[in-house]
Amino acid sequence: MLAECDKALEPEDQERAISVKNIDDFRTELDRLLKAYQDEADAARHVIVLLSPTLDHYEQFTESFVEMMSQKVETSMLWGLLCLVVEVRSTKML
């Protein structure tokens, strides 16, 4: 799956996804997006704000998911790709 992401993502997006390794990095990125869109459409900011209370559940999901796998899975990929999805979604709402 990582190889597919390497092929499909633009270098800038790939670098951003790799840099978001955990929930704290993800929260930092959400804060960055909120600041970037502070003068933009309320809908984009609303989506970002709604994510905050669900992050602990998502982290619990990723931990449970890894435990169920027969092989070790790198959860940082999940955080990085989710970050890109949020950014793309927020941009499309503007």
PDB file of N, CA and C in Angstrom:
ATOM      1  N   MET A   1       0.820  -1.195   0.000  1.00  0.00           N
ATOM      2  CA  MET A   1       0.000   0.000   0.000  1.00  0.00           C
ATOM      3  C   MET A   1       0.862   1.257   0.000  1.00  0.00           C
ATOM      4  N   LEU A   2       1.969   1.219   0.737  1.00  0.00           N
ATOM      5  CA  LEU A   2       2.859   2.381   0.747  1.00  0.00           C
ATOM      6  C   LEU A   2       3.429   2.655  -0.631  1.00  0.00           C
ATOM      7  N   ALA A   3       3.758   1.593  -1.357  1.00  0.00           N
ATOM      8  CA  ALA A   3       4.291   1.776  -2.709  1.00  0.00           C
ATOM      9  C   ALA A   3       3.257   2.434  -3.619  1.00  0.00           C
ATOM     10  N   GLU A   4       1.984   2.055  -3.459  1.00  0.00           N
ATOM     11  CA  GLU A   4       0.918   2.665  -4.256  1.00  0.00           C
ATOM     12  C   GLU A   4       0.776   4.146  -3.931  1.00  0.00           C
ATOM     13  N   CYS A   5       0.881   4.473  -2.655  1.00  0.00           N
ATOM     14  CA  CYS A   5       0.800   5.881  -2.254  1.00  0.00           C
ATOM     15  C   CYS A   5       1.972   6.666  -2.819  1.00  0.00           C
ATOM     16  N   ASP A   6       3.147   6.061  -2.807  1.00  0.00           N
ATOM     17  CA  ASP A   6       4.326   6.724  -3.361  1.00  0.00           C
ATOM     18  C   ASP A   6       4.117   7.084  -4.826  1.00  0.00           C
ATOM     19  N   LYS A   7       3.482   6.196  -5.572  1.00  0.00           N
ATOM     20  CA  LYS A   7       3.244   6.433  -6.992  1.00  0.00           C
ATOM     21  C   LYS A   7       2.140   7.461  -7.223  1.00  0.00           C
ATOM     22  N   ALA A   8       1.109   7.437  -6.394  1.00  0.00           N
ATOM     23  CA  ALA A   8      -0.084   8.244  -6.640  1.00  0.00           C
ATOM     24  C   ALA A   8       0.007   9.668  -6.110  1.00  0.00           C
ATOM     25  N   LEU A   9       0.765   9.885  -5.048  1.00  0.00           N
ATOM     26  CA  LEU A   9       0.802  11.204  -4.426  1.00  0.00           C
ATOM     27  C   LEU A   9       1.839  12.114  -5.071  1.00  0.00           C
ATOM     28  N   GLU A  10       1.511  13.379  -5.133  1.00  0.00           N
ATOM     29  CA  GLU A  10       2.484  14.382  -5.548  1.00  0.00           C
ATOM     30  C   GLU A  10       3.591  14.414  -4.485  1.00  0.00           C
ATOM     31  N   PRO A  11       4.832  14.738  -4.854  1.00  0.00           N
ATOM     32  CA  PRO A  11       5.920  14.753  -3.877  1.00  0.00           C
ATOM     33  C   PRO A  11       5.628  15.610  -2.646  1.00  0.00           C
ATOM     34  N   GLU A  12       5.002  16.756  -2.845  1.00  0.00           N
ATOM     35  CA  GLU A  12       4.666  17.640  -1.724  1.00  0.00           C
ATOM     36  C   GLU A  12       3.657  16.982  -0.779  1.00  0.00           C
ATOM     37  N   ASP A  13       2.650  16.326  -1.349  1.00  0.00           N
ATOM     38  CA  ASP A  13       1.642  15.643  -0.533  1.00  0.00           C
ATOM     39  C   ASP A  13       2.237  14.428   0.171  1.00  0.00           C
ATOM     40  N   GLN A  14       3.095  13.723  -0.520  1.00  0.00           N
ATOM     41  CA  GLN A  14       3.752  12.560   0.072  1.00  0.00           C
ATOM     42  C   GLN A  14       4.593  12.984   1.275  1.00  0.00           C
ATOM     43  N   GLU A  15       5.325  14.060   1.122  1.00  0.00           N
ATOM     44  CA  GLU A  15       6.156  14.558   2.213  1.00  0.00           C
ATOM     45  C   GLU A  15       5.295  14.972   3.410  1.00  0.00           C
ATOM     46  N   ARG A  16       4.189  15.628   3.133  1.00  0.00           N
ATOM     47  CA  ARG A  16       3.288  16.043   4.219  1.00  0.00           C
ATOM     48  C   ARG A  16       2.704  14.821   4.924  1.00  0.00           C
ATOM     49  N   ALA A  17       2.260  13.828   4.155  1.00  0.00           N
ATOM     50  CA  ALA A  17       1.674  12.620   4.752  1.00  0.00           C
ATOM     51  C   ALA A  17       2.694  11.899   5.628  1.00  0.00           C
ATOM     52  N   ILE A  18       3.918  11.821   5.179  1.00  0.00           N
ATOM     53  CA  ILE A  18       4.958  11.141   5.949  1.00  0.00           C
ATOM     54  C   ILE A  18       5.269  11.896   7.236  1.00  0.00           C
ATOM     55  N   SER A  19       5.121  13.200   7.220  1.00  0.00           N
ATOM     56  CA  SER A  19       5.469  13.991   8.408  1.00  0.00           C
ATOM     57  C   SER A  19       4.432  13.881   9.528  1.00  0.00           C
ATOM     58  N   VAL A  20       3.218  13.439   9.209  1.00  0.00           N
ATOM     59  CA  VAL A  20       2.159  13.305  10.221  1.00  0.00           C
ATOM     60  C   VAL A  20       2.175  11.858  10.716  1.00  0.00           C
ATOM     61  N   LYS A  21       2.806  11.651  11.859  1.00  0.00           N
ATOM     62  CA  LYS A  21       3.050  10.295  12.333  1.00  0.00           C
ATOM     63  C   LYS A  21       2.146   9.838  13.468  1.00  0.00           C
ATOM     64  N   ASN A  22       1.477  10.776  14.129  1.00  0.00           N
ATOM     65  CA  ASN A  22       0.660  10.387  15.287  1.00  0.00           C
ATOM     66  C   ASN A  22      -0.440  11.423  15.511  1.00  0.00           C
ATOM     67  N   ILE A  23      -1.217  11.192  16.547  1.00  0.00           N
ATOM     68  CA  ILE A  23      -2.358  12.067  16.828  1.00  0.00           C
ATOM     69  C   ILE A  23      -1.926  13.500  17.137  1.00  0.00           C
ATOM     70  N   ASP A  24      -0.790  13.664  17.793  1.00  0.00           N
ATOM     71  CA  ASP A  24      -0.320  15.017  18.102  1.00  0.00           C
ATOM     72  C   ASP A  24       0.067  15.775  16.835  1.00  0.00           C
ATOM     73  N   ASP A  25       0.747  15.097  15.917  1.00  0.00           N
ATOM     74  CA  ASP A  25       1.080  15.717  14.628  1.00  0.00           C
ATOM     75  C   ASP A  25      -0.191  16.082  13.866  1.00  0.00           C
ATOM     76  N   PHE A  26      -1.184  15.194  13.927  1.00  0.00           N
ATOM     77  CA  PHE A  26      -2.439  15.434  13.224  1.00  0.00           C
ATOM     78  C   PHE A  26      -3.144  16.656  13.801  1.00  0.00           C
ATOM     79  N   ARG A  27      -3.174  16.761  15.120  1.00  0.00           N
ATOM     80  CA  ARG A  27      -3.804  17.931  15.747  1.00  0.00           C
ATOM     81  C   ARG A  27      -3.072  19.216  15.356  1.00  0.00           C
ATOM     82  N   THR A  28      -1.766  19.149  15.258  1.00  0.00           N
ATOM     83  CA  THR A  28      -0.983  20.313  14.823  1.00  0.00           C
ATOM     84  C   THR A  28      -1.380  20.707  13.407  1.00  0.00           C
ATOM     85  N   GLU A  29      -1.563  19.729  12.536  1.00  0.00           N
ATOM     86  CA  GLU A  29      -1.974  20.008  11.157  1.00  0.00           C
ATOM     87  C   GLU A  29      -3.385  20.596  11.108  1.00  0.00           C
ATOM     88  N   LEU A  30      -4.280  20.092  11.961  1.00  0.00           N
ATOM     89  CA  LEU A  30      -5.634  20.665  12.003  1.00  0.00           C
ATOM     90  C   LEU A  30      -5.580  22.126  12.435  1.00  0.00           C
ATOM     91  N   ASP A  31      -4.751  22.432  13.421  1.00  0.00           N
ATOM     92  CA  ASP A  31      -4.592  23.822  13.853  1.00  0.00           C
ATOM     93  C   ASP A  31      -4.051  24.684  12.721  1.00  0.00           C
ATOM     94  N   ARG A  32      -3.097  24.137  11.976  1.00  0.00           N
ATOM     95  CA  ARG A  32      -2.533  24.870  10.833  1.00  0.00           C
ATOM     96  C   ARG A  32      -3.611  25.151   9.795  1.00  0.00           C
ATOM     97  N   LEU A  33      -4.454  24.147   9.523  1.00  0.00           N
ATOM     98  CA  LEU A  33      -5.531  24.335   8.554  1.00  0.00           C
ATOM     99  C   LEU A  33      -6.551  25.361   9.033  1.00  0.00           C
ATOM    100  N   LEU A  34      -6.874  25.317  10.315  1.00  0.00           N
ATOM    101  CA  LEU A  34      -7.820  26.301  10.857  1.00  0.00           C
ATOM    102  C   LEU A  34      -7.289  27.724  10.686  1.00  0.00           C
ATOM    103  N   LYS A  35      -6.005  27.893  10.913  1.00  0.00           N
ATOM    104  CA  LYS A  35      -5.396  29.220  10.737  1.00  0.00           C
ATOM    105  C   LYS A  35      -5.367  29.606   9.262  1.00  0.00           C
ATOM    106  N   ALA A  36      -5.078  28.632   8.408  1.00  0.00           N
ATOM    107  CA  ALA A  36      -5.007  28.911   6.971  1.00  0.00           C
ATOM    108  C   ALA A  36      -6.370  29.293   6.406  1.00  0.00           C
ATOM    109  N   TYR A  37      -7.439  28.739   6.965  1.00  0.00           N
ATOM    110  CA  TYR A  37      -8.784  28.982   6.458  1.00  0.00           C
ATOM    111  C   TYR A  37      -9.577  29.921   7.357  1.00  0.00           C
ATOM    112  N   GLN A  38      -8.911  30.689   8.190  1.00  0.00           N
ATOM    113  CA  GLN A  38      -9.631  31.542   9.136  1.00  0.00           C
ATOM    114  C   GLN A  38     -10.518  32.584   8.456  1.00  0.00           C
ATOM    115  N   ASP A  39     -10.176  33.003   7.266  1.00  0.00           N
ATOM    116  CA  ASP A  39     -10.985  33.996   6.561  1.00  0.00           C
ATOM    117  C   ASP A  39     -11.826  33.380   5.445  1.00  0.00           C
ATOM    118  N   GLU A  40     -11.897  32.064   5.430  1.00  0.00           N
ATOM    119  CA  GLU A  40     -12.580  31.368   4.338  1.00  0.00           C
ATOM    120  C   GLU A  40     -13.975  30.905   4.766  1.00  0.00           C
ATOM    121  N   ALA A  41     -14.535  30.045   3.939  1.00  0.00           N
ATOM    122  CA  ALA A  41     -15.899  29.546   4.149  1.00  0.00           C
ATOM    123  C   ALA A  41     -16.050  28.855   5.498  1.00  0.00           C
ATOM    124  N   ASP A  42     -17.175  29.107   6.126  1.00  0.00           N
ATOM    125  CA  ASP A  42     -17.461  28.470   7.406  1.00  0.00           C
ATOM    126  C   ASP A  42     -17.533  26.958   7.290  1.00  0.00           C
ATOM    127  N   ALA A  43     -17.962  26.442   6.153  1.00  0.00           N
ATOM    128  CA  ALA A  43     -18.113  24.997   5.976  1.00  0.00           C
ATOM    129  C   ALA A  43     -16.774  24.277   6.128  1.00  0.00           C
ATOM    130  N   ALA A  44     -15.718  24.825   5.555  1.00  0.00           N
ATOM    131  CA  ALA A  44     -14.401  24.198   5.654  1.00  0.00           C
ATOM    132  C   ALA A  44     -13.931  24.164   7.101  1.00  0.00           C
ATOM    133  N   ARG A  45     -14.073  25.259   7.787  1.00  0.00           N
ATOM    134  CA  ARG A  45     -13.669  25.318   9.198  1.00  0.00           C
ATOM    135  C   ARG A  45     -14.535  24.389  10.051  1.00  0.00           C
ATOM    136  N   HIS A  46     -15.815  24.305   9.707  1.00  0.00           N
ATOM    137  CA  HIS A  46     -16.745  23.465  10.464  1.00  0.00           C
ATOM    138  C   HIS A  46     -16.317  21.991  10.398  1.00  0.00           C
ATOM    139  N   VAL A  47     -15.927  21.522   9.229  1.00  0.00           N
ATOM    140  CA  VAL A  47     -15.475  20.144   9.057  1.00  0.00           C
ATOM    141  C   VAL A  47     -14.250  19.884   9.934  1.00  0.00           C
ATOM    142  N   ILE A  48     -13.330  20.814   9.934  1.00  0.00           N
ATOM    143  CA  ILE A  48     -12.108  20.649  10.727  1.00  0.00           C
ATOM    144  C   ILE A  48     -12.425  20.625  12.217  1.00  0.00           C
ATOM    145  N   VAL A  49     -13.279  21.526  12.658  1.00  0.00           N
ATOM    146  CA  VAL A  49     -13.647  21.591  14.076  1.00  0.00           C
ATOM    147  C   VAL A  49     -14.373  20.316  14.511  1.00  0.00           C
ATOM    148  N   LEU A  50     -15.213  19.767  13.654  1.00  0.00           N
ATOM    149  CA  LEU A  50     -15.943  18.548  13.998  1.00  0.00           C
ATOM    150  C   LEU A  50     -15.030  17.338  14.188  1.00  0.00           C
ATOM    151  N   LEU A  51     -13.872  17.362  13.575  1.00  0.00           N
ATOM    152  CA  LEU A  51     -12.947  16.234  13.710  1.00  0.00           C
ATOM    153  C   LEU A  51     -12.326  16.137  15.096  1.00  0.00           C
ATOM    154  N   SER A  52     -12.092  17.244  15.730  1.00  0.00           N
ATOM    155  CA  SER A  52     -11.368  17.248  17.002  1.00  0.00           C
ATOM    156  C   SER A  52     -11.909  16.267  18.037  1.00  0.00           C
ATOM    157  N   PRO A  53     -13.220  16.259  18.314  1.00  0.00           N
ATOM    158  CA  PRO A  53     -13.705  15.335  19.339  1.00  0.00           C
ATOM    159  C   PRO A  53     -13.647  13.856  18.935  1.00  0.00           C
ATOM    160  N   THR A  54     -13.474  13.575  17.658  1.00  0.00           N
ATOM    161  CA  THR A  54     -13.454  12.179  17.208  1.00  0.00           C
ATOM    162  C   THR A  54     -12.043  11.602  17.139  1.00  0.00           C
ATOM    163  N   LEU A  55     -11.031  12.419  17.319  1.00  0.00           N
ATOM    164  CA  LEU A  55      -9.663  11.946  17.135  1.00  0.00           C
ATOM    165  C   LEU A  55      -9.261  10.859  18.124  1.00  0.00           C
ATOM    166  N   ASP A  56      -9.691  10.980  19.361  1.00  0.00           N
ATOM    167  CA  ASP A  56      -9.346   9.942  20.330  1.00  0.00           C
ATOM    168  C   ASP A  56      -9.955   8.601  19.928  1.00  0.00           C
ATOM    169  N   HIS A  57     -11.169   8.620  19.367  1.00  0.00           N
ATOM    170  CA  HIS A  57     -11.802   7.388  18.900  1.00  0.00           C
ATOM    171  C   HIS A  57     -11.037   6.811  17.706  1.00  0.00           C
ATOM    172  N   TYR A  58     -10.591   7.687  16.823  1.00  0.00           N
ATOM    173  CA  TYR A  58      -9.823   7.231  15.664  1.00  0.00           C
ATOM    174  C   TYR A  58      -8.502   6.617  16.110  1.00  0.00           C
ATOM    175  N   GLU A  59      -7.868   7.218  17.102  1.00  0.00           N
ATOM    176  CA  GLU A  59      -6.612   6.669  17.615  1.00  0.00           C
ATOM    177  C   GLU A  59      -6.854   5.288  18.222  1.00  0.00           C
ATOM    178  N   GLN A  60      -7.932   5.141  18.961  1.00  0.00           N
ATOM    179  CA  GLN A  60      -8.276   3.854  19.558  1.00  0.00           C
ATOM    180  C   GLN A  60      -8.547   2.822  18.459  1.00  0.00           C
ATOM    181  N   PHE A  61      -9.225   3.258  17.398  1.00  0.00           N
ATOM    182  CA  PHE A  61      -9.474   2.376  16.257  1.00  0.00           C
ATOM    183  C   PHE A  61      -8.157   1.905  15.638  1.00  0.00           C
ATOM    184  N   THR A  62      -7.229   2.825  15.394  1.00  0.00           N
ATOM    185  CA  THR A  62      -5.962   2.440  14.763  1.00  0.00           C
ATOM    186  C   THR A  62      -5.192   1.458  15.639  1.00  0.00           C
ATOM    187  N   GLU A  63      -5.211   1.676  16.945  1.00  0.00           N
ATOM    188  CA  GLU A  63      -4.515   0.757  17.850  1.00  0.00           C
ATOM    189  C   GLU A  63      -5.165  -0.625  17.826  1.00  0.00           C
ATOM    190  N   SER A  64      -6.481  -0.676  17.837  1.00  0.00           N
ATOM    191  CA  SER A  64      -7.198  -1.955  17.776  1.00  0.00           C
ATOM    192  C   SER A  64      -6.961  -2.647  16.439  1.00  0.00           C
ATOM    193  N   PHE A  65      -6.942  -1.864  15.373  1.00  0.00           N
ATOM    194  CA  PHE A  65      -6.700  -2.393  14.030  1.00  0.00           C
ATOM    195  C   PHE A  65      -5.327  -3.059  13.961  1.00  0.00           C
ATOM    196  N   VAL A  66      -4.322  -2.408  14.513  1.00  0.00           N
ATOM    197  CA  VAL A  66      -2.962  -2.955  14.493  1.00  0.00           C
ATOM    198  C   VAL A  66      -2.899  -4.252  15.294  1.00  0.00           C
ATOM    199  N   GLU A  67      -3.580  -4.297  16.418  1.00  0.00           N
ATOM    200  CA  GLU A  67      -3.578  -5.507  17.239  1.00  0.00           C
ATOM    201  C   GLU A  67      -4.208  -6.692  16.508  1.00  0.00           C
ATOM    202  N   MET A  68      -5.193  -6.437  15.660  1.00  0.00           N
ATOM    203  CA  MET A  68      -5.878  -7.504  14.932  1.00  0.00           C
ATOM    204  C   MET A  68      -5.042  -8.043  13.765  1.00  0.00           C
ATOM    205  N   MET A  69      -4.123  -7.266  13.265  1.00  0.00           N
ATOM    206  CA  MET A  69      -3.338  -7.668  12.098  1.00  0.00           C
ATOM    207  C   MET A  69      -2.324  -8.733  12.496  1.00  0.00           C
ATOM    208  N   SER A  70      -2.077  -9.658  11.591  1.00  0.00           N
ATOM    209  CA  SER A  70      -1.087 -10.694  11.864  1.00  0.00           C
ATOM    210  C   SER A  70       0.333 -10.155  11.714  1.00  0.00           C
ATOM    211  N   GLN A  71       0.479  -9.068  10.961  1.00  0.00           N
ATOM    212  CA  GLN A  71       1.782  -8.436  10.791  1.00  0.00           C
ATOM    213  C   GLN A  71       1.717  -7.023  11.342  1.00  0.00           C
ATOM    214  N   LYS A  72       2.859  -6.509  11.715  1.00  0.00           N
ATOM    215  CA  LYS A  72       2.944  -5.146  12.239  1.00  0.00           C
ATOM    216  C   LYS A  72       2.571  -4.158  11.140  1.00  0.00           C
ATOM    217  N   VAL A  73       1.696  -3.219  11.476  1.00  0.00           N
ATOM    218  CA  VAL A  73       1.249  -2.195  10.535  1.00  0.00           C
ATOM    219  C   VAL A  73       1.674  -0.844  11.083  1.00  0.00           C
ATOM    220  N   GLU A  74       2.172   0.010  10.215  1.00  0.00           N
ATOM    221  CA  GLU A  74       2.602   1.353  10.601  1.00  0.00           C
ATOM    222  C   GLU A  74       1.403   2.285  10.587  1.00  0.00           C
ATOM    223  N   THR A  75       0.996   2.757  11.766  1.00  0.00           N
ATOM    224  CA  THR A  75      -0.197   3.606  11.851  1.00  0.00           C
ATOM    225  C   THR A  75       0.064   5.038  11.399  1.00  0.00           C
ATOM    226  N   SER A  76       1.314   5.441  11.304  1.00  0.00           N
ATOM    227  CA  SER A  76       1.577   6.815  10.877  1.00  0.00           C
ATOM    228  C   SER A  76       1.012   7.062   9.481  1.00  0.00           C
ATOM    229  N   MET A  77       0.978   6.028   8.658  1.00  0.00           N
ATOM    230  CA  MET A  77       0.414   6.169   7.319  1.00  0.00           C
ATOM    231  C   MET A  77      -1.066   6.577   7.411  1.00  0.00           C
ATOM    232  N   LEU A  78      -1.799   5.982   8.344  1.00  0.00           N
ATOM    233  CA  LEU A  78      -3.212   6.325   8.496  1.00  0.00           C
ATOM    234  C   LEU A  78      -3.387   7.788   8.866  1.00  0.00           C
ATOM    235  N   TRP A  79      -2.556   8.292   9.772  1.00  0.00           N
ATOM    236  CA  TRP A  79      -2.651   9.696  10.190  1.00  0.00           C
ATOM    237  C   TRP A  79      -2.291  10.628   9.040  1.00  0.00           C
ATOM    238  N   GLY A  80      -1.234  10.299   8.323  1.00  0.00           N
ATOM    239  CA  GLY A  80      -0.812  11.154   7.212  1.00  0.00           C
ATOM    240  C   GLY A  80      -1.821  11.225   6.097  1.00  0.00           C
ATOM    241  N   LEU A  81      -2.379  10.083   5.726  1.00  0.00           N
ATOM    242  CA  LEU A  81      -3.370  10.076   4.652  1.00  0.00           C
ATOM    243  C   LEU A  81      -4.667  10.757   5.081  1.00  0.00           C
ATOM    244  N   LEU A  82      -5.065  10.567   6.336  1.00  0.00           N
ATOM    245  CA  LEU A  82      -6.254  11.269   6.827  1.00  0.00           C
ATOM    246  C   LEU A  82      -6.044  12.778   6.783  1.00  0.00           C
ATOM    247  N   CYS A  83      -4.849  13.207   7.102  1.00  0.00           N
ATOM    248  CA  CYS A  83      -4.530  14.637   7.051  1.00  0.00           C
ATOM    249  C   CYS A  83      -4.711  15.176   5.635  1.00  0.00           C
ATOM    250  N   LEU A  84      -4.240  14.433   4.647  1.00  0.00           N
ATOM    251  CA  LEU A  84      -4.397  14.868   3.255  1.00  0.00           C
ATOM    252  C   LEU A  84      -5.867  14.903   2.851  1.00  0.00           C
ATOM    253  N   VAL A  85      -6.642  13.933   3.287  1.00  0.00           N
ATOM    254  CA  VAL A  85      -8.072  13.901   2.971  1.00  0.00           C
ATOM    255  C   VAL A  85      -8.763  15.133   3.547  1.00  0.00           C
ATOM    256  N   VAL A  86      -8.450  15.461   4.776  1.00  0.00           N
ATOM    257  CA  VAL A  86      -9.071  16.629   5.415  1.00  0.00           C
ATOM    258  C   VAL A  86      -8.692  17.899   4.667  1.00  0.00           C
ATOM    259  N   GLU A  87      -7.433  18.009   4.297  1.00  0.00           N
ATOM    260  CA  GLU A  87      -6.997  19.211   3.590  1.00  0.00           C
ATOM    261  C   GLU A  87      -7.676  19.324   2.228  1.00  0.00           C
ATOM    262  N   VAL A  88      -7.736  18.240   1.482  1.00  0.00           N
ATOM    263  CA  VAL A  88      -8.385  18.264   0.169  1.00  0.00           C
ATOM    264  C   VAL A  88      -9.879  18.562   0.319  1.00  0.00           C
ATOM    265  N   ARG A  89     -10.518  17.936   1.279  1.00  0.00           N
ATOM    266  CA  ARG A  89     -11.949  18.147   1.498  1.00  0.00           C
ATOM    267  C   ARG A  89     -12.235  19.594   1.874  1.00  0.00           C
ATOM    268  N   SER A  90     -11.421  20.135   2.757  1.00  0.00           N
ATOM    269  CA  SER A  90     -11.607  21.511   3.184  1.00  0.00           C
ATOM    270  C   SER A  90     -11.404  22.478   2.019  1.00  0.00           C
ATOM    271  N   THR A  91     -10.434  22.202   1.185  1.00  0.00           N
ATOM    272  CA  THR A  91     -10.150  23.057   0.032  1.00  0.00           C
ATOM    273  C   THR A  91     -11.322  23.042  -0.947  1.00  0.00           C
ATOM    274  N   LYS A  92     -11.926  21.883  -1.143  1.00  0.00           N
ATOM    275  CA  LYS A  92     -13.039  21.772  -2.090  1.00  0.00           C
ATOM    276  C   LYS A  92     -14.281  22.486  -1.573  1.00  0.00           C
ATOM    277  N   MET A  93     -14.367  22.720  -0.269  1.00  0.00           N
ATOM    278  CA  MET A  93     -15.545  23.383   0.286  1.00  0.00           C
ATOM    279  C   MET A  93     -15.464  24.895   0.127  1.00  0.00           C
ATOM    280  N   LEU A  94     -14.299  25.398  -0.200  1.00  0.00           N
ATOM    281  CA  LEU A  94     -14.140  26.857  -0.325  1.00  0.00           C
ATOM    282  C   LEU A  94     -14.818  27.379  -1.564  1.00  0.00           C
TER     283      LEU A  94
END
